[in-house]
């Protein structure tokens, strides 16, 4: 899978430099790779292990990504495994 240049050229300096949330950028990259244009069910543990972050850091990152409109998150309950869909708002066709 090829990474959209916008993810590196715009999101990297925006999330890491401007927002000071490098964990959000790492989490976005991980989800970008795991979802491959479709939503995927992943546990916080899976995301934490895949990124090298703590579960708490992943939770904070997901909140940032959801607030920024970069990830949609669905859960049946607060403790259930999440279903994540990566959004690419810079692309009108997605």
Protein backbone atom coordinates (compact mmCIF):
# COMPACT_ATOMS: atom_id res chain seq x y z
CA UNK A 1 0.00 0.00 0.00
CA UNK A 2 1.32 3.40 -0.94
CA UNK A 3 1.04 6.21 1.58
CA UNK A 4 -0.67 9.34 0.32
CA UNK A 5 1.89 12.20 0.25
CA UNK A 6 -0.53 14.35 2.26
CA UNK A 7 -0.05 12.01 5.25
CA UNK A 8 3.65 12.86 5.38
CA UNK A 9 3.75 16.38 3.94
CA UNK A 10 0.80 17.83 5.89
CA UNK A 11 -0.31 15.53 8.72
CA UNK A 12 3.20 14.91 10.07
CA UNK A 13 4.03 18.56 10.75
CA UNK A 14 0.44 19.32 11.76
CA UNK A 15 -0.07 16.54 14.33
CA UNK A 16 3.52 16.35 15.60
CA UNK A 17 4.73 19.92 15.25
CA UNK A 18 1.61 22.03 15.65
CA UNK A 19 -0.63 19.89 17.87
CA UNK A 20 2.28 18.25 19.74
CA UNK A 21 0.64 14.82 19.46
CA UNK A 22 3.17 12.46 17.89
CA UNK A 23 1.19 9.55 19.33
CA UNK A 24 -1.78 10.62 17.21
CA UNK A 25 0.39 10.57 14.10
CA UNK A 26 1.77 7.10 14.90
CA UNK A 27 -1.72 5.83 15.62
CA UNK A 28 -3.04 7.29 12.36
CA UNK A 29 -0.24 5.61 10.40
CA UNK A 30 -0.93 2.28 12.08
CA UNK A 31 -4.66 2.49 11.41
CA UNK A 32 -4.01 3.70 7.85
CA UNK A 33 -2.05 0.51 7.21
CA UNK A 34 -4.40 -1.84 9.05
CA UNK A 35 -7.65 -0.63 7.55
CA UNK A 36 -6.64 -0.58 3.86
CA UNK A 37 -9.66 1.53 2.84
CA UNK A 38 -12.07 -0.52 4.97
CA UNK A 39 -13.01 -0.32 8.64
CA UNK A 40 -11.27 -2.81 10.93
CA UNK A 41 -11.93 -4.09 14.41
CA UNK A 42 -8.89 -3.62 16.61
CA UNK A 43 -8.41 -3.67 20.35
CA UNK A 44 -6.51 -0.96 22.18
CA UNK A 45 -3.91 -3.61 23.01
CA UNK A 46 -3.42 -4.43 19.33
CA UNK A 47 -2.97 -0.77 18.47
CA UNK A 48 -0.64 -0.23 21.43
CA UNK A 49 1.52 -3.21 20.46
CA UNK A 50 1.52 -2.17 16.80
CA UNK A 51 2.65 1.37 17.57
CA UNK A 52 4.84 0.81 20.61
CA UNK A 53 2.65 3.19 22.62
CA UNK A 54 0.90 2.60 25.93
CA UNK A 55 -2.83 1.90 25.87
CA UNK A 56 -3.43 5.26 27.57
CA UNK A 57 -1.40 7.06 24.88
CA UNK A 58 -3.44 5.24 22.21
CA UNK A 59 -6.70 6.31 23.88
CA UNK A 60 -5.55 9.94 23.90
CA UNK A 61 -4.36 9.66 20.29
CA UNK A 62 -7.69 8.21 19.17
CA UNK A 63 -9.54 11.04 20.88
CA UNK A 64 -7.38 13.56 19.03
CA UNK A 65 -7.87 11.80 15.69
CA UNK A 66 -11.60 11.55 16.18
CA UNK A 67 -11.86 15.21 17.19
CA UNK A 68 -9.84 16.19 14.10
CA UNK A 69 -12.13 14.14 11.84
CA UNK A 70 -9.36 11.76 10.79
CA UNK A 71 -10.80 8.55 12.25
CA UNK A 72 -14.35 7.28 12.75
CA UNK A 73 -14.78 5.01 15.76
CA UNK A 74 -17.74 2.73 16.41
CA UNK A 75 -18.24 0.64 19.53
CA UNK A 76 -21.17 -1.43 20.77
CA UNK A 77 -20.31 -0.40 24.33
CA UNK A 78 -17.59 1.56 26.10
CA UNK A 79 -15.65 -1.64 26.81
CA UNK A 80 -16.10 -3.37 23.45
CA UNK A 81 -13.49 -3.61 20.71
CA UNK A 82 -13.58 -0.60 18.43
CA UNK A 83 -14.21 -0.54 14.72
CA UNK A 84 -11.97 2.07 13.12
CA UNK A 85 -12.27 3.73 9.74
CA UNK A 86 -9.51 6.05 8.62
CA UNK A 87 -10.74 9.17 6.91
CA UNK A 88 -8.89 11.15 4.30
CA UNK A 89 -10.76 14.48 4.26
CA UNK A 90 -8.35 15.95 1.72
CA UNK A 91 -9.67 13.43 -0.83
CA UNK A 92 -13.23 14.21 -1.86
CA UNK A 93 -13.88 10.70 -3.22
CA UNK A 94 -13.30 8.86 0.12
